[in-house]
N, C-alpha and C. Protein backbone atom coordinates (compact mmCIF):
# COMPACT_ATOMS: atom_id res chain seq x y z
N MET A 1 111.20 93.35 134.93
CA MET A 1 110.80 94.19 136.02
C MET A 1 109.27 94.31 136.11
N LEU A 2 108.63 94.51 134.97
CA LEU A 2 107.17 94.59 134.95
C LEU A 2 106.57 93.25 135.38
N ALA A 3 107.11 92.17 134.83
CA ALA A 3 106.60 90.85 135.19
C ALA A 3 106.76 90.61 136.69
N SER A 4 107.89 91.03 137.26
CA SER A 4 108.11 90.85 138.70
C SER A 4 107.07 91.63 139.51
N ALA A 5 106.78 92.86 139.09
CA ALA A 5 105.80 93.68 139.81
C ALA A 5 104.41 93.07 139.72
N LEU A 6 104.09 92.48 138.59
CA LEU A 6 102.78 91.83 138.44
C LEU A 6 102.70 90.54 139.25
N LEU A 7 103.75 89.74 139.19
CA LEU A 7 103.76 88.46 139.91
C LEU A 7 103.74 88.66 141.43
N SER A 8 104.39 89.72 141.89
CA SER A 8 104.44 89.96 143.34
C SER A 8 103.17 90.61 143.87
N GLY A 9 102.34 91.11 142.96
CA GLY A 9 101.12 91.80 143.39
C GLY A 9 101.32 93.30 143.58
N TYR A 10 102.54 93.79 143.35
CA TYR A 10 102.81 95.22 143.46
C TYR A 10 101.93 95.99 142.48
N LEU A 11 101.77 95.46 141.28
CA LEU A 11 100.83 95.99 140.30
C LEU A 11 99.65 95.04 140.21
N GLY A 12 98.46 95.58 140.12
CA GLY A 12 97.26 94.76 140.14
C GLY A 12 96.81 94.27 138.78
N GLY A 13 97.37 94.79 137.70
CA GLY A 13 96.91 94.35 136.39
C GLY A 13 97.80 94.89 135.29
N ASP A 14 97.53 94.43 134.09
CA ASP A 14 98.30 94.87 132.93
C ASP A 14 97.46 94.72 131.68
N ALA A 15 97.80 95.52 130.69
CA ALA A 15 97.16 95.42 129.38
C ALA A 15 98.23 95.72 128.33
N PHE A 16 98.33 94.86 127.35
CA PHE A 16 99.34 95.01 126.30
C PHE A 16 98.68 94.91 124.93
N ASN A 17 99.13 95.77 124.01
CA ASN A 17 98.70 95.62 122.62
C ASN A 17 99.89 95.68 121.67
N VAL A 18 101.10 95.78 122.20
CA VAL A 18 102.31 95.75 121.39
C VAL A 18 103.24 94.74 122.05
N PHE A 19 103.80 93.87 121.23
CA PHE A 19 104.65 92.79 121.74
C PHE A 19 105.96 92.76 120.97
N GLU A 20 106.99 92.22 121.60
CA GLU A 20 108.28 92.09 120.93
C GLU A 20 108.15 91.20 119.70
N THR A 21 107.34 90.16 119.79
CA THR A 21 107.09 89.26 118.66
C THR A 21 105.67 89.51 118.17
N GLU A 22 105.53 89.97 116.94
CA GLU A 22 104.19 90.20 116.38
C GLU A 22 104.12 89.55 115.01
N PRO A 23 103.03 88.86 114.71
CA PRO A 23 101.93 88.62 115.62
C PRO A 23 102.38 87.74 116.79
N LEU A 24 101.68 87.87 117.88
CA LEU A 24 102.04 87.15 119.10
C LEU A 24 101.92 85.65 118.87
N THR A 25 103.01 84.94 119.06
CA THR A 25 103.03 83.50 118.87
C THR A 25 102.71 82.81 120.20
N ILE A 26 102.40 81.54 120.13
CA ILE A 26 102.13 80.77 121.35
C ILE A 26 103.36 80.79 122.25
N GLY A 27 104.54 80.64 121.66
CA GLY A 27 105.77 80.65 122.45
C GLY A 27 105.99 81.98 123.14
N ALA A 28 105.78 83.08 122.43
CA ALA A 28 105.95 84.41 123.03
C ALA A 28 104.90 84.67 124.09
N ALA A 29 103.70 84.14 123.91
CA ALA A 29 102.62 84.34 124.88
C ALA A 29 102.87 83.60 126.18
N GLN A 30 103.76 82.60 126.16
CA GLN A 30 104.07 81.84 127.37
C GLN A 30 104.61 82.75 128.48
N LEU A 31 105.20 83.89 128.09
CA LEU A 31 105.71 84.84 129.09
C LEU A 31 104.61 85.34 130.02
N PHE A 32 103.38 85.29 129.56
CA PHE A 32 102.26 85.84 130.33
C PHE A 32 101.50 84.78 131.11
N CYS A 33 101.89 83.53 131.01
CA CYS A 33 101.14 82.44 131.63
C CYS A 33 101.04 82.55 133.15
N GLU A 34 102.06 83.03 133.81
CA GLU A 34 102.04 83.09 135.27
C GLU A 34 101.41 84.38 135.79
N ILE A 35 101.15 85.33 134.91
CA ILE A 35 100.58 86.61 135.32
C ILE A 35 99.06 86.47 135.38
N ARG A 36 98.47 86.89 136.48
CA ARG A 36 97.03 86.76 136.66
C ARG A 36 96.30 87.83 135.84
N ASN A 37 95.29 87.39 135.12
CA ASN A 37 94.38 88.27 134.40
C ASN A 37 95.04 89.27 133.46
N PRO A 38 95.97 88.85 132.61
CA PRO A 38 96.51 89.82 131.66
C PRO A 38 95.46 90.12 130.59
N ILE A 39 95.52 91.32 130.07
CA ILE A 39 94.68 91.69 128.93
C ILE A 39 95.62 91.84 127.75
N LEU A 40 95.49 90.96 126.78
CA LEU A 40 96.34 90.96 125.59
C LEU A 40 95.45 91.20 124.38
N THR A 41 95.73 92.26 123.65
CA THR A 41 94.94 92.56 122.46
C THR A 41 95.87 92.76 121.27
N PRO A 42 95.39 92.53 120.07
CA PRO A 42 96.24 92.76 118.90
C PRO A 42 96.46 94.26 118.67
N HIS A 43 97.54 94.58 118.02
CA HIS A 43 97.90 95.98 117.74
C HIS A 43 97.17 96.42 116.46
N ILE A 44 95.88 96.75 116.61
CA ILE A 44 95.07 97.05 115.44
C ILE A 44 94.33 98.38 115.56
N ALA A 45 94.85 99.29 116.37
CA ALA A 45 94.15 100.56 116.60
C ALA A 45 93.88 101.31 115.29
N GLY A 46 94.78 101.19 114.33
CA GLY A 46 94.61 101.91 113.07
C GLY A 46 93.84 101.15 112.02
N VAL A 47 93.35 99.98 112.35
CA VAL A 47 92.63 99.17 111.36
C VAL A 47 91.14 99.49 111.46
N THR A 48 90.75 100.46 110.67
CA THR A 48 89.35 100.85 110.59
C THR A 48 88.93 100.84 109.13
N GLU A 49 87.66 100.94 108.88
CA GLU A 49 87.19 100.99 107.50
C GLU A 49 87.78 102.19 106.77
N ASP A 50 87.82 103.34 107.45
CA ASP A 50 88.37 104.55 106.82
C ASP A 50 89.85 104.41 106.52
N SER A 51 90.62 103.90 107.49
CA SER A 51 92.06 103.78 107.25
C SER A 51 92.35 102.75 106.16
N ASN A 52 91.60 101.67 106.11
CA ASN A 52 91.79 100.68 105.04
C ASN A 52 91.48 101.29 103.69
N SER A 53 90.44 102.11 103.60
CA SER A 53 90.10 102.78 102.34
C SER A 53 91.21 103.73 101.91
N ARG A 54 91.73 104.53 102.86
CA ARG A 54 92.80 105.48 102.53
C ARG A 54 94.05 104.75 102.06
N VAL A 55 94.42 103.69 102.77
CA VAL A 55 95.64 102.94 102.38
C VAL A 55 95.44 102.28 101.02
N SER A 56 94.28 101.73 100.78
CA SER A 56 94.00 101.09 99.48
C SER A 56 94.09 102.11 98.35
N LYS A 57 93.53 103.29 98.56
CA LYS A 57 93.59 104.34 97.53
C LYS A 57 95.02 104.79 97.31
N MET A 58 95.78 104.96 98.39
CA MET A 58 97.16 105.38 98.28
C MET A 58 97.97 104.36 97.47
N ILE A 59 97.77 103.08 97.74
CA ILE A 59 98.50 102.04 97.01
C ILE A 59 98.10 102.04 95.54
N ALA A 60 96.80 102.14 95.27
CA ALA A 60 96.33 102.17 93.88
C ALA A 60 96.91 103.37 93.15
N ASP A 61 96.96 104.54 93.80
CA ASP A 61 97.54 105.73 93.18
C ASP A 61 99.02 105.55 92.89
N LEU A 62 99.75 104.94 93.81
CA LEU A 62 101.18 104.69 93.59
C LEU A 62 101.40 103.74 92.43
N VAL A 63 100.61 102.69 92.36
CA VAL A 63 100.74 101.73 91.25
C VAL A 63 100.43 102.43 89.93
N GLN A 64 99.37 103.21 89.90
CA GLN A 64 98.98 103.92 88.68
C GLN A 64 100.08 104.90 88.26
N ASP A 65 100.65 105.64 89.20
CA ASP A 65 101.73 106.60 88.90
C ASP A 65 102.93 105.90 88.30
N ARG A 66 103.26 104.73 88.80
CA ARG A 66 104.45 104.01 88.31
C ARG A 66 104.21 103.37 86.94
N MET A 67 102.95 103.17 86.59
CA MET A 67 102.65 102.56 85.30
C MET A 67 102.60 103.60 84.17
N GLN A 68 102.60 104.85 84.52
CA GLN A 68 102.53 105.92 83.50
C GLN A 68 103.88 106.30 82.99
């Protein structure tokens, strides 16, 4: 339905950062080939220096707890 609205011009644009297949493969990306000017970005909103530090510390703490 979304693809139909984009192809017909009913909707003027689209932007996606979450896909049924992740990471987005060439085959899965073929769905967007006929759509004009799609904006496709990776789903990385939570990938920041701070979040990576917090996750790394959490994992290290879990490993340390299990080794005791």
